């Protein structure tokens, strides 16, 4: 994104675009921190979950620059989904046992 800030918008899955733009606009107007988890389609066509943390700052010419970090959290999301499925199976089995 350092060379082409539009990369984030192009790789973001469409259903998350509006939320991203809204959060960016609020952060830019308030100069407040921006935090968001979202899936991105990478150049190899795989979808990975990313966590973005950034902070905007104004330059003397009035432009806004964002300093931040983007972390791939795909592994964490996969573990969370597996845990959720396991909990649902457990609750389903527990309900079947009690009925």
N, C-alpha and C. Protein backbone atom coordinates (compact mmCIF):
# COMPACT_ATOMS: atom_id res chain seq x y z
N UNK A 1 0.81 -1.19 0.00
CA UNK A 1 0.00 0.00 0.00
C UNK A 1 0.86 1.26 0.00
N UNK A 2 2.12 1.10 0.32
CA UNK A 2 2.99 2.27 0.31
C UNK A 2 3.11 2.87 -1.08
N UNK A 3 3.18 2.03 -2.09
CA UNK A 3 3.34 2.51 -3.46
C UNK A 3 2.01 2.83 -4.13
N UNK A 4 0.93 2.17 -3.69
CA UNK A 4 -0.38 2.38 -4.30
C UNK A 4 -1.47 2.24 -3.23
N UNK A 5 -1.87 3.36 -2.59
CA UNK A 5 -2.87 3.30 -1.54
C UNK A 5 -4.21 2.71 -1.99
N UNK A 6 -4.51 2.72 -3.27
CA UNK A 6 -5.76 2.15 -3.78
C UNK A 6 -5.82 0.64 -3.71
N UNK A 7 -4.68 0.01 -3.42
CA UNK A 7 -4.63 -1.45 -3.34
C UNK A 7 -5.64 -1.98 -2.33
N UNK A 8 -5.74 -1.35 -1.18
CA UNK A 8 -6.67 -1.79 -0.14
C UNK A 8 -8.09 -1.82 -0.67
N UNK A 9 -8.51 -0.77 -1.32
CA UNK A 9 -9.89 -0.69 -1.84
C UNK A 9 -10.13 -1.73 -2.94
N UNK A 10 -9.15 -1.98 -3.77
CA UNK A 10 -9.33 -2.95 -4.86
C UNK A 10 -9.38 -4.39 -4.36
N UNK A 11 -8.66 -4.69 -3.28
CA UNK A 11 -8.59 -6.06 -2.79
C UNK A 11 -9.66 -6.39 -1.76
N UNK A 12 -10.27 -5.39 -1.20
CA UNK A 12 -11.31 -5.59 -0.20
C UNK A 12 -12.53 -6.25 -0.85
N UNK A 13 -13.12 -7.22 -0.16
CA UNK A 13 -14.34 -7.83 -0.69
C UNK A 13 -15.46 -6.79 -0.69
N UNK A 14 -16.27 -6.76 -1.75
CA UNK A 14 -17.25 -5.69 -1.95
C UNK A 14 -18.19 -5.43 -0.78
N UNK A 15 -18.60 -6.47 -0.07
CA UNK A 15 -19.55 -6.27 1.02
C UNK A 15 -18.95 -5.52 2.21
N UNK A 16 -17.65 -5.31 2.24
CA UNK A 16 -16.99 -4.58 3.32
C UNK A 16 -16.59 -3.16 2.91
N UNK A 17 -16.77 -2.84 1.63
CA UNK A 17 -16.29 -1.56 1.10
C UNK A 17 -16.95 -0.36 1.79
N UNK A 18 -18.26 -0.39 1.92
CA UNK A 18 -18.98 0.74 2.52
C UNK A 18 -18.53 0.99 3.96
N UNK A 19 -18.37 -0.09 4.71
CA UNK A 19 -17.93 0.05 6.11
C UNK A 19 -16.52 0.64 6.17
N UNK A 20 -15.64 0.19 5.29
CA UNK A 20 -14.27 0.71 5.26
C UNK A 20 -14.26 2.21 4.94
N UNK A 21 -14.99 2.60 3.92
CA UNK A 21 -15.03 4.01 3.52
C UNK A 21 -15.60 4.88 4.65
N UNK A 22 -16.64 4.39 5.30
CA UNK A 22 -17.24 5.12 6.42
C UNK A 22 -16.24 5.29 7.56
N UNK A 23 -15.55 4.20 7.92
CA UNK A 23 -14.56 4.27 8.99
C UNK A 23 -13.38 5.16 8.62
N UNK A 24 -12.95 5.10 7.37
CA UNK A 24 -11.86 5.97 6.92
C UNK A 24 -12.26 7.44 7.01
N UNK A 25 -13.48 7.74 6.57
CA UNK A 25 -13.95 9.13 6.57
C UNK A 25 -14.02 9.67 8.00
N UNK A 26 -14.55 8.86 8.91
CA UNK A 26 -14.63 9.29 10.31
C UNK A 26 -13.23 9.51 10.87
N UNK A 27 -12.33 8.59 10.62
CA UNK A 27 -10.96 8.72 11.12
C UNK A 27 -10.26 9.96 10.57
N UNK A 28 -10.47 10.22 9.28
CA UNK A 28 -9.84 11.39 8.66
C UNK A 28 -10.41 12.69 9.20
N UNK A 29 -11.71 12.76 9.40
CA UNK A 29 -12.32 14.01 9.87
C UNK A 29 -12.01 14.27 11.34
N UNK A 30 -11.93 13.20 12.14
CA UNK A 30 -11.68 13.34 13.58
C UNK A 30 -10.21 13.14 13.94
N UNK A 31 -9.40 12.76 12.95
CA UNK A 31 -8.00 12.35 13.20
C UNK A 31 -7.94 11.31 14.32
N UNK A 32 -8.83 10.33 14.21
CA UNK A 32 -8.91 9.28 15.23
C UNK A 32 -8.40 7.95 14.67
N UNK A 33 -8.02 7.07 15.56
CA UNK A 33 -7.52 5.76 15.17
C UNK A 33 -8.57 4.98 14.40
N UNK A 34 -8.09 4.15 13.50
CA UNK A 34 -8.93 3.32 12.64
C UNK A 34 -8.56 1.87 12.91
N UNK A 35 -9.55 1.05 13.23
CA UNK A 35 -9.34 -0.38 13.47
C UNK A 35 -10.44 -1.14 12.73
N UNK A 36 -10.05 -2.15 11.97
CA UNK A 36 -11.05 -2.92 11.25
C UNK A 36 -10.48 -4.27 10.84
N UNK A 37 -11.30 -5.32 10.95
CA UNK A 37 -10.97 -6.65 10.43
C UNK A 37 -11.81 -6.87 9.18
N UNK A 38 -11.20 -7.39 8.13
CA UNK A 38 -11.93 -7.58 6.88
C UNK A 38 -11.20 -8.58 5.99
N UNK A 39 -11.93 -9.25 5.10
CA UNK A 39 -11.29 -10.17 4.15
C UNK A 39 -10.82 -9.41 2.91
N UNK A 40 -9.68 -9.85 2.39
CA UNK A 40 -9.12 -9.26 1.17
C UNK A 40 -8.81 -10.38 0.18
N UNK A 41 -9.04 -10.08 -1.09
CA UNK A 41 -8.65 -11.02 -2.15
C UNK A 41 -7.24 -10.65 -2.59
N UNK A 42 -6.30 -11.55 -2.36
CA UNK A 42 -4.90 -11.31 -2.69
C UNK A 42 -4.66 -11.50 -4.18
N UNK A 43 -3.51 -11.03 -4.68
CA UNK A 43 -3.22 -11.20 -6.12
C UNK A 43 -3.26 -12.65 -6.59
N UNK A 44 -2.99 -13.62 -5.70
CA UNK A 44 -3.06 -15.04 -6.09
C UNK A 44 -4.48 -15.59 -6.01
N UNK A 45 -5.46 -14.70 -5.80
CA UNK A 45 -6.89 -14.99 -5.76
C UNK A 45 -7.35 -15.66 -4.46
N UNK A 46 -6.46 -15.85 -3.51
CA UNK A 46 -6.86 -16.37 -2.20
C UNK A 46 -7.45 -15.24 -1.37
N UNK A 47 -8.38 -15.59 -0.49
CA UNK A 47 -8.97 -14.61 0.42
C UNK A 47 -8.33 -14.81 1.79
N UNK A 48 -7.79 -13.73 2.33
CA UNK A 48 -7.19 -13.73 3.66
C UNK A 48 -7.84 -12.65 4.49
N UNK A 49 -7.99 -12.91 5.78
CA UNK A 49 -8.51 -11.91 6.71
C UNK A 49 -7.38 -11.02 7.18
N UNK A 50 -7.63 -9.72 7.21
CA UNK A 50 -6.63 -8.74 7.63
C UNK A 50 -7.17 -7.91 8.79
N UNK A 51 -6.27 -7.51 9.65
CA UNK A 51 -6.59 -6.55 10.71
C UNK A 51 -5.77 -5.31 10.40
N UNK A 52 -6.47 -4.20 10.30
CA UNK A 52 -5.82 -2.93 9.97
C UNK A 52 -5.95 -1.98 11.15
N UNK A 53 -4.82 -1.45 11.58
CA UNK A 53 -4.76 -0.41 12.62
C UNK A 53 -4.00 0.75 12.01
N UNK A 54 -4.60 1.92 12.00
CA UNK A 54 -3.89 3.07 11.47
C UNK A 54 -4.36 4.35 12.16
N UNK A 55 -3.55 5.37 12.00
CA UNK A 55 -3.84 6.69 12.59
C UNK A 55 -3.54 7.74 11.52
N UNK A 56 -4.50 8.60 11.27
CA UNK A 56 -4.27 9.66 10.30
C UNK A 56 -3.57 10.86 10.94
N UNK A 57 -2.85 11.60 10.12
CA UNK A 57 -2.26 12.87 10.56
C UNK A 57 -2.27 13.84 9.39
N UNK A 58 -2.42 15.09 9.70
CA UNK A 58 -2.47 16.12 8.67
C UNK A 58 -1.07 16.67 8.41
N UNK A 59 -0.79 16.83 7.15
CA UNK A 59 0.46 17.47 6.75
C UNK A 59 0.23 18.97 6.66
N UNK A 60 1.30 19.72 6.59
CA UNK A 60 1.18 21.18 6.55
C UNK A 60 0.42 21.67 5.32
N UNK A 61 0.40 20.85 4.25
CA UNK A 61 -0.33 21.25 3.04
C UNK A 61 -1.81 20.86 3.09
N UNK A 62 -2.25 20.28 4.24
CA UNK A 62 -3.66 19.91 4.41
C UNK A 62 -3.98 18.48 4.01
N UNK A 63 -3.05 17.78 3.38
CA UNK A 63 -3.29 16.38 3.01
C UNK A 63 -3.25 15.51 4.26
N UNK A 64 -3.93 14.38 4.18
CA UNK A 64 -3.96 13.42 5.28
C UNK A 64 -3.10 12.22 4.92
N UNK A 65 -2.25 11.83 5.84
CA UNK A 65 -1.40 10.65 5.68
C UNK A 65 -1.80 9.67 6.78
N UNK A 66 -1.88 8.40 6.42
CA UNK A 66 -2.23 7.36 7.38
C UNK A 66 -0.98 6.54 7.70
N UNK A 67 -0.67 6.42 8.98
CA UNK A 67 0.41 5.56 9.44
C UNK A 67 -0.24 4.36 10.11
N UNK A 68 0.17 3.16 9.71
CA UNK A 68 -0.49 2.00 10.31
C UNK A 68 0.18 0.70 9.97
N UNK A 69 -0.49 -0.35 10.40
CA UNK A 69 -0.01 -1.70 10.17
C UNK A 69 -1.19 -2.59 9.78
N UNK A 70 -0.91 -3.51 8.88
CA UNK A 70 -1.90 -4.49 8.45
C UNK A 70 -1.35 -5.87 8.78
N UNK A 71 -2.15 -6.67 9.49
CA UNK A 71 -1.71 -7.99 9.94
C UNK A 71 -2.64 -9.05 9.37
N UNK A 72 -2.07 -10.12 8.84
CA UNK A 72 -2.86 -11.24 8.34
C UNK A 72 -3.34 -12.05 9.54
N UNK A 73 -4.66 -12.11 9.74
CA UNK A 73 -5.24 -12.84 10.87
C UNK A 73 -6.05 -14.05 10.40
N UNK A 74 -5.75 -14.53 9.21
CA UNK A 74 -6.49 -15.67 8.64
C UNK A 74 -6.44 -16.88 9.56
N UNK A 75 -5.27 -17.21 10.09
CA UNK A 75 -5.14 -18.36 10.98
C UNK A 75 -6.03 -18.22 12.20
N UNK A 76 -6.05 -17.03 12.77
CA UNK A 76 -6.90 -16.78 13.95
C UNK A 76 -8.37 -16.94 13.59
N UNK A 77 -8.79 -16.40 12.44
CA UNK A 77 -10.20 -16.51 12.02
C UNK A 77 -10.57 -17.97 11.80
N UNK A 78 -9.66 -18.76 11.22
CA UNK A 78 -9.93 -20.18 11.01
C UNK A 78 -10.10 -20.91 12.33
N UNK A 79 -9.26 -20.60 13.31
CA UNK A 79 -9.37 -21.22 14.63
C UNK A 79 -10.68 -20.83 15.29
N UNK A 80 -11.06 -19.55 15.20
CA UNK A 80 -12.33 -19.08 15.78
C UNK A 80 -13.52 -19.82 15.14
N UNK A 81 -13.49 -20.01 13.83
CA UNK A 81 -14.58 -20.70 13.14
C UNK A 81 -14.65 -22.16 13.57
N UNK A 82 -13.50 -22.81 13.72
CA UNK A 82 -13.47 -24.20 14.16
C UNK A 82 -14.01 -24.31 15.58
N UNK A 83 -13.61 -23.39 16.45
CA UNK A 83 -14.11 -23.39 17.83
C UNK A 83 -15.62 -23.18 17.87
N UNK A 84 -16.12 -22.26 17.05
CA UNK A 84 -17.56 -21.99 17.00
C UNK A 84 -18.33 -23.24 16.56
N UNK A 85 -17.82 -23.90 15.52
CA UNK A 85 -18.46 -25.13 15.04
C UNK A 85 -18.46 -26.21 16.12
N UNK A 86 -17.35 -26.33 16.84
CA UNK A 86 -17.25 -27.32 17.91
C UNK A 86 -18.25 -27.01 19.03
N UNK A 87 -18.36 -25.74 19.40
CA UNK A 87 -19.32 -25.37 20.44
C UNK A 87 -20.76 -25.65 20.00
N UNK A 88 -21.07 -25.39 18.74
CA UNK A 88 -22.41 -25.65 18.22
C UNK A 88 -22.72 -27.14 18.25
N UNK A 89 -21.74 -27.97 17.87
CA UNK A 89 -21.94 -29.43 17.91
C UNK A 89 -22.14 -29.90 19.35
N UNK A 90 -21.35 -29.35 20.27
CA UNK A 90 -21.49 -29.71 21.68
C UNK A 90 -22.88 -29.35 22.20
N UNK A 91 -23.34 -28.13 21.92
CA UNK A 91 -24.66 -27.71 22.39
C UNK A 91 -25.76 -28.54 21.74
N UNK A 92 -25.58 -28.90 20.49
CA UNK A 92 -26.56 -29.74 19.81
C UNK A 92 -26.64 -31.12 20.45
N UNK A 93 -25.47 -31.69 20.75
CA UNK A 93 -25.44 -33.00 21.39
C UNK A 93 -26.02 -32.92 22.80
N UNK A 94 -25.72 -31.86 23.53
CA UNK A 94 -26.24 -31.70 24.90
C UNK A 94 -27.75 -31.56 24.87
N UNK A 95 -28.27 -30.83 23.90
CA UNK A 95 -29.73 -30.67 23.79
C UNK A 95 -30.39 -31.98 23.43
N UNK A 96 -29.76 -32.78 22.59
CA UNK A 96 -30.30 -34.07 22.18
C UNK A 96 -30.33 -35.02 23.39
N UNK A 97 -29.32 -34.98 24.20
CA UNK A 97 -29.21 -35.83 25.38
C UNK A 97 -30.29 -35.49 26.41
N UNK A 98 -30.59 -34.19 26.56
CA UNK A 98 -31.56 -33.75 27.56
C UNK A 98 -33.00 -33.91 27.08
N UNK A 99 -33.23 -34.16 25.83
CA UNK A 99 -34.61 -34.29 25.31
C UNK A 99 -35.07 -35.70 25.27
